[in-house]
C-alpha atoms as a PDB file:
ATOM      1  CA  MET A   1      -1.418  44.601 -44.632  1.00  0.00           C
ATOM      2  CA  LYS A   2       2.230  45.035 -43.674  1.00  0.00           C
ATOM      3  CA  ARG A   3       1.392  44.310 -40.026  1.00  0.00           C
ATOM      4  CA  ILE A   4      -0.402  41.119 -40.980  1.00  0.00           C
ATOM      5  CA  ALA A   5       2.569  39.982 -43.080  1.00  0.00           C
ATOM      6  CA  THR A   6       4.931  40.644 -40.185  1.00  0.00           C
ATOM      7  CA  VAL A   7       2.819  38.613 -37.760  1.00  0.00           C
ATOM      8  CA  ILE A   8       2.571  35.739 -40.254  1.00  0.00           C
ATOM      9  CA  SER A   9       6.330  35.721 -40.852  1.00  0.00           C
ATOM     10  CA  MET A  10       7.023  35.654 -37.117  1.00  0.00           C
ATOM     11  CA  LEU A  11       4.664  32.723 -36.654  1.00  0.00           C
ATOM     12  CA  ILE A  12       6.320  30.904 -39.546  1.00  0.00           C
ATOM     13  CA  PHE A  13       9.760  31.373 -38.039  1.00  0.00           C
ATOM     14  CA  SER A  14       8.539  30.288 -34.614  1.00  0.00           C
ATOM     15  CA  PHE A  15       7.253  27.115 -36.270  1.00  0.00           C
ATOM     16  CA  PHE A  16      10.626  26.485 -37.910  1.00  0.00           C
ATOM     17  CA  ALA A  17      12.337  26.994 -34.550  1.00  0.00           C
ATOM     18  CA  ASN A  18      10.409  24.018 -33.221  1.00  0.00           C
ATOM     19  CA  ALA A  19      10.624  21.894 -36.371  1.00  0.00           C
ATOM     20  CA  GLN A  20      14.372  22.297 -36.870  1.00  0.00           C
ATOM     21  CA  GLN A  21      15.918  22.970 -33.510  1.00  0.00           C
ATOM     22  CA  GLU A  22      19.607  22.615 -34.344  1.00  0.00           C
ATOM     23  CA  LEU A  23      21.352  25.612 -35.843  1.00  0.00           C
ATOM     24  CA  GLN A  24      22.069  25.407 -39.562  1.00  0.00           C
ATOM     25  CA  ILE A  25      25.275  26.899 -40.967  1.00  0.00           C
ATOM     26  CA  SER A  26      26.947  26.441 -44.342  1.00  0.00           C
ATOM     27  CA  GLN A  27      30.655  26.511 -43.425  1.00  0.00           C
ATOM     28  CA  TYR A  28      30.491  23.575 -40.995  1.00  0.00           C
ATOM     29  CA  MET A  29      33.019  21.557 -43.031  1.00  0.00           C
ATOM     30  CA  PHE A  30      35.759  23.940 -41.809  1.00  0.00           C
ATOM     31  CA  ASN A  31      34.406  24.242 -38.267  1.00  0.00           C
ATOM     32  CA  GLY A  32      33.762  20.686 -37.115  1.00  0.00           C
ATOM     33  CA  LEU A  33      33.151  21.547 -33.469  1.00  0.00           C
ATOM     34  CA  PHE A  34      29.766  23.030 -34.429  1.00  0.00           C
ATOM     35  CA  LEU A  35      28.627  19.532 -35.461  1.00  0.00           C
ATOM     36  CA  ASN A  36      30.568  17.126 -33.284  1.00  0.00           C
ATOM     37  CA  PRO A  37      32.143  17.348 -29.784  1.00  0.00           C
ATOM     38  CA  ALA A  38      34.652  14.645 -30.763  1.00  0.00           C
ATOM     39  CA  TYR A  39      36.265  17.177 -33.124  1.00  0.00           C
ATOM     40  CA  ALA A  40      37.723  19.046 -30.135  1.00  0.00           C
ATOM     41  CA  GLY A  41      41.510  18.912 -30.081  1.00  0.00           C
ATOM     42  CA  THR A  42      41.959  17.019 -33.350  1.00  0.00           C
ATOM     43  CA  HIS A  43      44.496  19.593 -34.571  1.00  0.00           C
ATOM     44  CA  PRO A  44      47.895  19.871 -32.835  1.00  0.00           C
ATOM     45  CA  TYR A  45      47.152  23.479 -31.828  1.00  0.00           C
ATOM     46  CA  TRP A  46      44.358  25.606 -30.373  1.00  0.00           C
ATOM     47  CA  SER A  47      41.936  27.328 -32.752  1.00  0.00           C
ATOM     48  CA  GLY A  48      39.204  29.921 -32.453  1.00  0.00           C
ATOM     49  CA  THR A  49      36.330  30.728 -34.811  1.00  0.00           C
ATOM     50  CA  LEU A  50      33.814  33.567 -35.053  1.00  0.00           C
ATOM     51  CA  LEU A  51      30.852  33.188 -37.398  1.00  0.00           C
ATOM     52  CA  HIS A  52      27.787  35.267 -38.231  1.00  0.00           C
ATOM     53  CA  ARG A  53      24.867  34.041 -40.350  1.00  0.00           C
ATOM     54  CA  SER A  54      21.905  36.039 -41.666  1.00  0.00           C
ATOM     55  CA  GLN A  55      19.312  33.742 -43.198  1.00  0.00           C
ATOM     56  CA  TRP A  56      16.582  34.679 -45.689  1.00  0.00           C
ATOM     57  CA  VAL A  57      17.693  38.309 -45.881  1.00  0.00           C
ATOM     58  CA  GLY A  58      14.864  40.694 -46.695  1.00  0.00           C
ATOM     59  CA  PHE A  59      12.179  38.589 -45.024  1.00  0.00           C
ATOM     60  CA  SER A  60      10.602  40.129 -41.928  1.00  0.00           C
ATOM     61  CA  GLY A  61      11.739  38.373 -38.752  1.00  0.00           C
ATOM     62  CA  ASN A  62      14.444  36.430 -40.601  1.00  0.00           C
ATOM     63  CA  PRO A  63      16.742  34.148 -38.568  1.00  0.00           C
ATOM     64  CA  TRP A  64      20.245  35.329 -37.684  1.00  0.00           C
ATOM     65  CA  SER A  65      22.952  33.704 -35.590  1.00  0.00           C
ATOM     66  CA  ASN A  66      26.321  34.367 -33.960  1.00  0.00           C
ATOM     67  CA  LEU A  67      28.754  31.620 -32.992  1.00  0.00           C
ATOM     68  CA  ILE A  68      32.037  31.526 -31.085  1.00  0.00           C
ATOM     69  CA  ALA A  69      34.066  28.317 -30.780  1.00  0.00           C
ATOM     70  CA  VAL A  70      37.499  27.494 -29.335  1.00  0.00           C
ATOM     71  CA  ASP A  71      39.146  24.066 -29.149  1.00  0.00           C
ATOM     72  CA  GLY A  72      42.549  22.471 -28.737  1.00  0.00           C
ATOM     73  CA  PRO A  73      44.519  19.452 -27.466  1.00  0.00           C
ATOM     74  CA  ILE A  74      45.625  18.656 -23.919  1.00  0.00           C
ATOM     75  CA  LYS A  75      47.633  15.848 -22.267  1.00  0.00           C
ATOM     76  CA  ASN A  76      50.106  15.304 -25.132  1.00  0.00           C
ATOM     77  CA  GLU A  77      47.277  15.525 -27.665  1.00  0.00           C
ATOM     78  CA  LYS A  78      45.565  12.430 -26.243  1.00  0.00           C
ATOM     79  CA  MET A  79      42.573  14.523 -25.205  1.00  0.00           C
ATOM     80  CA  GLY A  80      40.873  17.682 -26.353  1.00  0.00           C
ATOM     81  CA  LEU A  81      38.755  20.479 -24.973  1.00  0.00           C
ATOM     82  CA  GLY A  82      36.284  22.733 -26.748  1.00  0.00           C
ATOM     83  CA  PHE A  83      34.060  25.640 -25.777  1.00  0.00           C
ATOM     84  CA  MET A  84      31.192  27.100 -27.751  1.00  0.00           C
ATOM     85  CA  ILE A  85      28.684  29.958 -27.441  1.00  0.00           C
ATOM     86  CA  VAL A  86      25.722  30.188 -29.813  1.00  0.00           C
ATOM     87  CA  ASN A  87      23.199  33.011 -30.098  1.00  0.00           C
ATOM     88  CA  ASP A  88      20.324  32.084 -32.417  1.00  0.00           C
ATOM     89  CA  ASN A  89      17.402  34.386 -33.239  1.00  0.00           C
ATOM     90  CA  ILE A  90      14.319  33.371 -35.195  1.00  0.00           C
ATOM     91  CA  GLY A  91      11.078  35.341 -35.181  1.00  0.00           C
ATOM     92  CA  LEU A  92       9.941  35.768 -31.584  1.00  0.00           C
ATOM     93  CA  THR A  93      12.414  33.200 -30.272  1.00  0.00           C
ATOM     94  CA  ARG A  94      15.889  33.858 -28.844  1.00  0.00           C
ATOM     95  CA  VAL A  95      18.126  30.883 -28.082  1.00  0.00           C
ATOM     96  CA  ASN A  96      21.468  31.072 -26.253  1.00  0.00           C
ATOM     97  CA  ASP A  97      23.660  27.979 -25.888  1.00  0.00           C
ATOM     98  CA  ILE A  98      26.797  27.740 -23.762  1.00  0.00           C
ATOM     99  CA  SER A  99      28.665  24.430 -23.796  1.00  0.00           C
ATOM    100  CA  ALA A 100      31.976  22.675 -23.133  1.00  0.00           C
ATOM    101  CA  ALA A 101      33.254  19.576 -24.956  1.00  0.00           C
ATOM    102  CA  TYR A 102      35.749  16.880 -23.979  1.00  0.00           C
ATOM    103  CA  SER A 103      37.302  14.338 -26.344  1.00  0.00           C
ATOM    104  CA  TYR A 104      39.538  11.312 -25.988  1.00  0.00           C
ATOM    105  CA  LYS A 105      41.567   9.993 -28.924  1.00  0.00           C
ATOM    106  CA  ILE A 106      42.628   6.425 -29.767  1.00  0.00           C
ATOM    107  CA  ARG A 107      45.234   5.745 -32.455  1.00  0.00           C
ATOM    108  CA  VAL A 108      43.839   3.377 -35.098  1.00  0.00           C
ATOM    109  CA  THR A 109      46.792   3.275 -37.520  1.00  0.00           C
ATOM    110  CA  ASP A 110      50.046   5.202 -37.930  1.00  0.00           C
ATOM    111  CA  LYS A 111      48.129   7.853 -39.879  1.00  0.00           C
ATOM    112  CA  SER A 112      44.645   7.872 -38.371  1.00  0.00           C
ATOM    113  CA  GLN A 113      42.894   8.311 -35.036  1.00  0.00           C
ATOM    114  CA  LEU A 114      39.435   7.785 -33.572  1.00  0.00           C
ATOM    115  CA  SER A 115      38.082  10.427 -31.213  1.00  0.00           C
ATOM    116  CA  PHE A 116      35.106  10.140 -28.855  1.00  0.00           C
ATOM    117  CA  GLY A 117      33.517  13.282 -27.479  1.00  0.00           C
ATOM    118  CA  LEU A 118      30.947  14.488 -24.972  1.00  0.00           C
ATOM    119  CA  ARG A 119      29.480  17.956 -24.742  1.00  0.00           C
ATOM    120  CA  ALA A 120      27.581  19.402 -21.794  1.00  0.00           C
ATOM    121  CA  GLY A 121      25.808  22.707 -21.936  1.00  0.00           C
ATOM    122  CA  ILE A 122      22.822  24.762 -21.048  1.00  0.00           C
ATOM    123  CA  ARG A 123      20.275  26.284 -23.418  1.00  0.00           C
ATOM    124  CA  ASN A 124      18.222  29.356 -22.626  1.00  0.00           C
ATOM    125  CA  THR A 125      15.152  29.786 -24.820  1.00  0.00           C
ATOM    126  CA  MET A 126      13.175  33.004 -24.665  1.00  0.00           C
ATOM    127  CA  PHE A 127       9.869  33.600 -26.436  1.00  0.00           C
ATOM    128  CA  ASN A 128       9.280  37.353 -26.540  1.00  0.00           C
ATOM    129  CA  VAL A 129       5.590  37.865 -27.215  1.00  0.00           C
ATOM    130  CA  SER A 130       5.998  41.549 -26.343  1.00  0.00           C
ATOM    131  CA  ASP A 131       7.960  41.951 -29.596  1.00  0.00           C
ATOM    132  CA  LEU A 132       4.571  42.126 -31.285  1.00  0.00           C
ATOM    133  CA  GLU A 133       4.157  45.716 -30.082  1.00  0.00           C
ATOM    134  CA  ASN A 134       2.279  48.021 -32.483  1.00  0.00           C
ATOM    135  CA  ILE A 135       0.907  44.941 -34.235  1.00  0.00           C
ATOM    136  CA  VAL A 136      -1.490  43.388 -31.737  1.00  0.00           C
ATOM    137  CA  ASP A 137      -3.761  44.649 -28.981  1.00  0.00           C
ATOM    138  CA  GLN A 138      -1.418  45.799 -26.224  1.00  0.00           C
ATOM    139  CA  GLY A 139      -4.293  45.605 -23.729  1.00  0.00           C
ATOM    140  CA  ASP A 140      -4.359  41.821 -23.921  1.00  0.00           C
ATOM    141  CA  PRO A 141      -2.130  40.396 -21.123  1.00  0.00           C
ATOM    142  CA  LEU A 142      -1.278  37.417 -23.349  1.00  0.00           C
ATOM    143  CA  TYR A 143       0.873  39.644 -25.552  1.00  0.00           C
ATOM    144  CA  ASN A 144       2.825  41.124 -22.649  1.00  0.00           C
ATOM    145  CA  ALA A 145       4.038  37.801 -21.294  1.00  0.00           C
ATOM    146  CA  ASN A 146       7.551  36.626 -22.091  1.00  0.00           C
ATOM    147  CA  GLU A 147       8.767  33.100 -21.359  1.00  0.00           C
ATOM    148  CA  SER A 148      12.331  32.082 -20.507  1.00  0.00           C
ATOM    149  CA  LEU A 149      13.453  28.489 -19.970  1.00  0.00           C
ATOM    150  CA  TRP A 150      16.873  27.089 -18.989  1.00  0.00           C
ATOM    151  CA  ILE A 151      17.509  23.516 -20.148  1.00  0.00           C
ATOM    152  CA  PRO A 152      20.622  21.361 -19.465  1.00  0.00           C
ATOM    153  CA  LYS A 153      21.567  19.293 -22.522  1.00  0.00           C
ATOM    154  CA  PHE A 154      24.219  16.765 -23.546  1.00  0.00           C
ATOM    155  CA  ASP A 155      25.681  15.706 -26.912  1.00  0.00           C
ATOM    156  CA  PHE A 156      27.776  12.706 -28.004  1.00  0.00           C
ATOM    157  CA  GLY A 157      30.046  12.195 -30.986  1.00  0.00           C
ATOM    158  CA  ALA A 158      32.613   9.906 -32.615  1.00  0.00           C
ATOM    159  CA  TYR A 159      35.096  11.149 -35.208  1.00  0.00           C
ATOM    160  CA  TRP A 160      37.659   9.216 -37.277  1.00  0.00           C
ATOM    161  CA  TYR A 161      40.290  11.240 -39.087  1.00  0.00           C
ATOM    162  CA  SER A 162      43.612  11.047 -40.908  1.00  0.00           C
ATOM    163  CA  GLU A 163      45.713  13.712 -42.623  1.00  0.00           C
ATOM    164  CA  ARG A 164      43.436  13.633 -45.687  1.00  0.00           C
ATOM    165  CA  GLY A 165      40.061  12.197 -44.651  1.00  0.00           C
ATOM    166  CA  TYR A 166      37.448  12.152 -41.915  1.00  0.00           C
ATOM    167  CA  LEU A 167      34.155  10.522 -40.946  1.00  0.00           C
ATOM    168  CA  GLY A 168      32.014  11.643 -38.039  1.00  0.00           C
ATOM    169  CA  LEU A 169      28.792  10.666 -36.290  1.00  0.00           C
ATOM    170  CA  SER A 170      27.247  12.967 -33.715  1.00  0.00           C
ATOM    171  CA  ILE A 171      24.039  12.967 -31.680  1.00  0.00           C
ATOM    172  CA  PRO A 172      23.075  16.445 -30.480  1.00  0.00           C
ATOM    173  CA  ASN A 173      20.593  16.436 -27.606  1.00  0.00           C
ATOM    174  CA  VAL A 174      21.254  12.804 -26.688  1.00  0.00           C
ATOM    175  CA  LEU A 175      19.858  13.901 -23.315  1.00  0.00           C
ATOM    176  CA  SER A 176      18.032  17.045 -22.244  1.00  0.00           C
ATOM    177  CA  ILE A 177      16.241  17.687 -18.977  1.00  0.00           C
ATOM    178  CA  ASP A 178      13.196  19.861 -18.400  1.00  0.00           C
ATOM    179  CA  PRO A 179      13.404  21.237 -14.850  1.00  0.00           C
ATOM    180  CA  ARG A 180       9.639  21.817 -14.867  1.00  0.00           C
ATOM    181  CA  LYS A 181       8.923  18.081 -15.014  1.00  0.00           C
ATOM    182  CA  ALA A 182       9.098  16.015 -11.849  1.00  0.00           C
ATOM    183  CA  ASP A 183      10.166  12.862 -13.692  1.00  0.00           C
ATOM    184  CA  ASN A 184      13.164  14.639 -15.318  1.00  0.00           C
ATOM    185  CA  SER A 185      11.797  13.770 -18.734  1.00  0.00           C
ATOM    186  CA  ASP A 186      13.140  15.406 -21.863  1.00  0.00           C
ATOM    187  CA  ALA A 187      12.582  19.107 -22.457  1.00  0.00           C
ATOM    188  CA  GLY A 188      11.009  18.842 -25.884  1.00  0.00           C
ATOM    189  CA  ILE A 189      14.431  19.326 -27.518  1.00  0.00           C
ATOM    190  CA  ARG A 190      14.477  16.496 -29.990  1.00  0.00           C
ATOM    191  CA  ARG A 191      17.432  14.186 -30.570  1.00  0.00           C
ATOM    192  CA  HIS A 192      19.222  14.645 -33.902  1.00  0.00           C
ATOM    193  CA  PHE A 193      21.698  12.469 -35.815  1.00  0.00           C
ATOM    194  CA  PHE A 194      24.470  13.882 -38.016  1.00  0.00           C
ATOM    195  CA  LEU A 195      26.727  11.807 -40.278  1.00  0.00           C
ATOM    196  CA  ASN A 196      29.443  13.644 -42.190  1.00  0.00           C
ATOM    197  CA  GLY A 197      32.667  12.854 -43.993  1.00  0.00           C
ATOM    198  CA  GLY A 198      35.118  13.993 -46.626  1.00  0.00           C
ATOM    199  CA  TYR A 199      38.487  13.385 -48.281  1.00  0.00           C
ATOM    200  CA  VAL A 200      41.184  15.511 -49.937  1.00  0.00           C
ATOM    201  CA  TRP A 201      42.844  14.459 -53.210  1.00  0.00           C
ATOM    202  CA  ASP A 202      45.739  16.037 -55.130  1.00  0.00           C
ATOM    203  CA  LEU A 203      44.680  16.984 -58.661  1.00  0.00           C
ATOM    204  CA  ASN A 204      48.188  17.592 -59.985  1.00  0.00           C
ATOM    205  CA  ALA A 205      51.686  16.252 -59.386  1.00  0.00           C
ATOM    206  CA  SER A 206      52.849  19.264 -57.403  1.00  0.00           C
ATOM    207  CA  GLY A 207      49.849  19.139 -55.063  1.00  0.00           C
ATOM    208  CA  SER A 208      49.114  22.819 -55.679  1.00  0.00           C
ATOM    209  CA  VAL A 209      45.489  22.024 -56.566  1.00  0.00           C
ATOM    210  CA  LYS A 210      43.444  19.758 -54.324  1.00  0.00           C
ATOM    211  CA  PHE A 211      39.859  18.521 -54.459  1.00  0.00           C
ATOM    212  CA  LYS A 212      37.755  17.902 -51.376  1.00  0.00           C
ATOM    213  CA  PRO A 213      34.301  16.295 -51.740  1.00  0.00           C
ATOM    214  CA  SER A 214      32.284  15.973 -48.534  1.00  0.00           C
ATOM    215  CA  PHE A 215      28.774  15.260 -47.300  1.00  0.00           C
ATOM    216  CA  LEU A 216      26.447  15.745 -44.347  1.00  0.00           C
ATOM    217  CA  VAL A 217      23.347  13.644 -43.651  1.00  0.00           C
ATOM    218  CA  LYS A 218      20.894  14.974 -41.045  1.00  0.00           C
ATOM    219  CA  TYR A 219      18.155  12.921 -39.415  1.00  0.00           C
ATOM    220  CA  GLU A 220      15.511  13.823 -36.861  1.00  0.00           C
ATOM    221  CA  PRO A 221      12.774  11.228 -36.186  1.00  0.00           C
ATOM    222  CA  THR A 222       9.857  13.598 -36.842  1.00  0.00           C
ATOM    223  CA  ALA A 223      11.279  15.081 -40.066  1.00  0.00           C
ATOM    224  CA  PRO A 224      12.483  13.741 -43.453  1.00  0.00           C
ATOM    225  CA  ILE A 225      16.147  12.868 -43.863  1.00  0.00           C
ATOM    226  CA  SER A 226      18.103  15.717 -45.454  1.00  0.00           C
ATOM    227  CA  ALA A 227      21.578  15.820 -46.967  1.00  0.00           C
ATOM    228  CA  ASP A 228      24.273  18.227 -48.127  1.00  0.00           C
ATOM    229  CA  ILE A 229      26.699  17.366 -50.939  1.00  0.00           C
ATOM    230  CA  ASN A 230      29.806  19.583 -51.052  1.00  0.00           C
ATOM    231  CA  ALA A 231      32.684  20.065 -53.492  1.00  0.00           C
ATOM    232  CA  HIS A 232      35.682  22.300 -52.728  1.00  0.00           C
ATOM    233  CA  PHE A 233      38.965  23.079 -54.463  1.00  0.00           C
ATOM    234  CA  LEU A 234      42.100  24.215 -52.629  1.00  0.00           C
ATOM    235  CA  PHE A 235      44.734  26.259 -54.444  1.00  0.00           C
ATOM    236  CA  ASN A 236      48.319  26.423 -53.112  1.00  0.00           C
ATOM    237  CA  ASP A 237      47.121  25.346 -49.636  1.00  0.00           C
ATOM    238  CA  ARG A 238      45.758  28.852 -49.233  1.00  0.00           C
ATOM    239  CA  PHE A 239      42.513  29.545 -51.094  1.00  0.00           C
ATOM    240  CA  TRP A 240      39.370  27.407 -50.929  1.00  0.00           C
ATOM    241  CA  LEU A 241      36.577  27.766 -53.463  1.00  0.00           C
ATOM    242  CA  GLY A 242      33.509  25.537 -53.431  1.00  0.00           C
ATOM    243  CA  THR A 243      29.816  24.874 -53.651  1.00  0.00           C
ATOM    244  CA  SER A 244      27.214  22.812 -51.815  1.00  0.00           C
ATOM    245  CA  TYR A 245      23.775  21.466 -52.590  1.00  0.00           C
ATOM    246  CA  ARG A 246      21.373  21.258 -49.655  1.00  0.00           C
ATOM    247  CA  HIS A 247      18.509  18.933 -50.573  1.00  0.00           C
ATOM    248  CA  ASN A 248      15.276  20.828 -51.264  1.00  0.00           C
ATOM    249  CA  ALA A 249      16.679  23.944 -49.600  1.00  0.00           C
ATOM    250  CA  ALA A 250      19.605  25.789 -51.217  1.00  0.00           C
ATOM    251  CA  VAL A 251      22.666  25.913 -53.423  1.00  0.00           C
ATOM    252  CA  VAL A 252      25.615  27.360 -51.505  1.00  0.00           C
ATOM    253  CA  PHE A 253      28.683  29.187 -52.839  1.00  0.00           C
ATOM    254  CA  MET A 254      31.607  29.744 -50.495  1.00  0.00           C
ATOM    255  CA  ALA A 255      35.238  30.772 -50.310  1.00  0.00           C
ATOM    256  CA  GLU A 256      37.902  30.730 -47.616  1.00  0.00           C
ATOM    257  CA  TYR A 257      41.296  32.421 -47.676  1.00  0.00           C
ATOM    258  CA  GLN A 258      44.328  31.777 -45.466  1.00  0.00           C
ATOM    259  CA  ILE A 259      45.372  35.396 -44.877  1.00  0.00           C
ATOM    260  CA  THR A 260      48.436  34.495 -42.794  1.00  0.00           C
ATOM    261  CA  GLU A 261      49.780  31.247 -41.328  1.00  0.00           C
ATOM    262  CA  LYS A 262      47.365  31.756 -38.413  1.00  0.00           C
ATOM    263  CA  LEU A 263      44.476  33.881 -39.679  1.00  0.00           C
ATOM    264  CA  ARG A 264      41.777  32.754 -42.128  1.00  0.00           C
ATOM    265  CA  ALA A 265      38.497  34.235 -43.326  1.00  0.00           C
ATOM    266  CA  GLY A 266      35.509  32.750 -45.111  1.00  0.00           C
ATOM    267  CA  ILE A 267      32.249  33.817 -46.719  1.00  0.00           C
ATOM    268  CA  ALA A 268      29.206  31.882 -47.925  1.00  0.00           C
ATOM    269  CA  TYR A 269      26.029  32.694 -49.821  1.00  0.00           C
ATOM    270  CA  ASP A 270      22.979  30.404 -49.883  1.00  0.00           C
ATOM    271  CA  ALA A 271      20.728  30.722 -52.921  1.00  0.00           C
ATOM    272  CA  THR A 272      17.405  29.360 -51.715  1.00  0.00           C
ATOM    273  CA  THR A 273      15.726  26.763 -53.944  1.00  0.00           C
ATOM    274  CA  SER A 274      12.554  26.189 -51.892  1.00  0.00           C
ATOM    275  CA  ALA A 275       9.230  28.001 -52.371  1.00  0.00           C
ATOM    276  CA  ILE A 276      10.283  30.778 -49.986  1.00  0.00           C
ATOM    277  CA  ARG A 277      12.901  32.047 -52.469  1.00  0.00           C
ATOM    278  CA  GLN A 278      10.526  34.630 -53.977  1.00  0.00           C
ATOM    279  CA  TYR A 279      10.177  36.423 -50.620  1.00  0.00           C
ATOM    280  CA  GLN A 280      13.849  36.841 -49.638  1.00  0.00           C
ATOM    281  CA  ASN A 281      17.358  37.472 -50.978  1.00  0.00           C
ATOM    282  CA  GLY A 282      19.241  34.394 -49.820  1.00  0.00           C
ATOM    283  CA  SER A 283      21.440  33.799 -46.782  1.00  0.00           C
ATOM    284  CA  PHE A 284      24.905  35.141 -45.966  1.00  0.00           C
ATOM    285  CA  GLU A 285      27.719  33.976 -43.668  1.00  0.00           C
ATOM    286  CA  VAL A 286      31.011  35.540 -42.690  1.00  0.00           C
ATOM    287  CA  MET A 287      33.638  33.630 -40.736  1.00  0.00           C
ATOM    288  CA  LEU A 288      36.958  34.506 -39.110  1.00  0.00           C
ATOM    289  CA  GLY A 289      39.326  31.877 -37.722  1.00  0.00           C
ATOM    290  CA  TYR A 290      42.608  32.066 -35.843  1.00  0.00           C
ATOM    291  CA  ASP A 291      45.041  29.217 -35.119  1.00  0.00           C
ATOM    292  CA  PHE A 292      47.245  29.640 -32.051  1.00  0.00           C
ATOM    293  CA  THR A 293      50.224  27.777 -33.433  1.00  0.00           C
ATOM    294  CA  GLN A 294      53.794  28.001 -34.630  1.00  0.00           C
ATOM    295  CA  LYS A 295      54.397  28.393 -38.370  1.00  0.00           C
ATOM    296  CA  LEU A 296      56.253  25.046 -38.585  1.00  0.00           C
ATOM    297  CA  VAL A 297      53.244  23.157 -37.226  1.00  0.00           C
ATOM    298  CA  LYS A 298      50.914  24.813 -39.754  1.00  0.00           C
ATOM    299  CA  ILE A 299      53.165  23.820 -42.655  1.00  0.00           C
ATOM    300  CA  LYS A 300      53.424  20.233 -41.423  1.00  0.00           C
ATOM    301  CA  HIS A 301      49.691  19.934 -40.727  1.00  0.00           C
ATOM    302  CA  PRO A 302      47.693  22.078 -43.192  1.00  0.00           C
ATOM    303  CA  ARG A 303      44.055  22.638 -42.232  1.00  0.00           C
ATOM    304  CA  TYR A 304      41.968  20.630 -44.695  1.00  0.00           C
ATOM    305  CA  PHE A 305      39.013  20.249 -42.296  1.00  0.00           C
END
């Protein structure tokens, strides 16, 4: 019975890998490069982020992911560069993404800018049927065949931001090429659309307590529109505490702490609200960020997003 459950769970996760191809994380509102290439270089210093996510803990074959991102400004902050590595594992599927982003910024007002970004990368998808060892008939050659595919892909994004607010639109997989097809048609990686935004308000005269509502709307033509609604509080420009509601999926609790002027750490827990909640123990994220900057710059430009 346990073997049957394991096979079923792996098939379920393989299905989800096709249905929702873009990685889902909860702390995206503090790591904008994961969503939008136009975010690259929008702070006046270079930053790096490490993030690990374990989804649906306790469920056999549960998804887990590792992410590394670095971005910063160049050419007198008129342009930006970003680099990202993603390792995503779900059931029998292993996905590795390596990409580089470029952004160009246009000043809209004295206090706001509009950034346009492009990201180019390559995705390696591996489907390891041999992982079913001890569960299926090892004599069948079908279950000893592994598939690996390399796919070039390109993303586009636009991102408006000021010191207190932001609004972004990004299109992951605006173009992907399947090298196996003579007509260079798409590789079955579907185009997505992300719209996100937020703003930071002072809740008291001293500015020691701030409130940041934000949202993310996700659209993929073959799936229903989904949305996240987020609410975060910032205390003394150092400690974030907040929650999110992911439509028909989860309620998220998260915290981030500015350990030093350069080092920050965050955690998140997703309490699943869908039917799968009875089979798992929620999802966990841990994040570590480092800003390569001088203390004066950090004080003048606190990281709100």
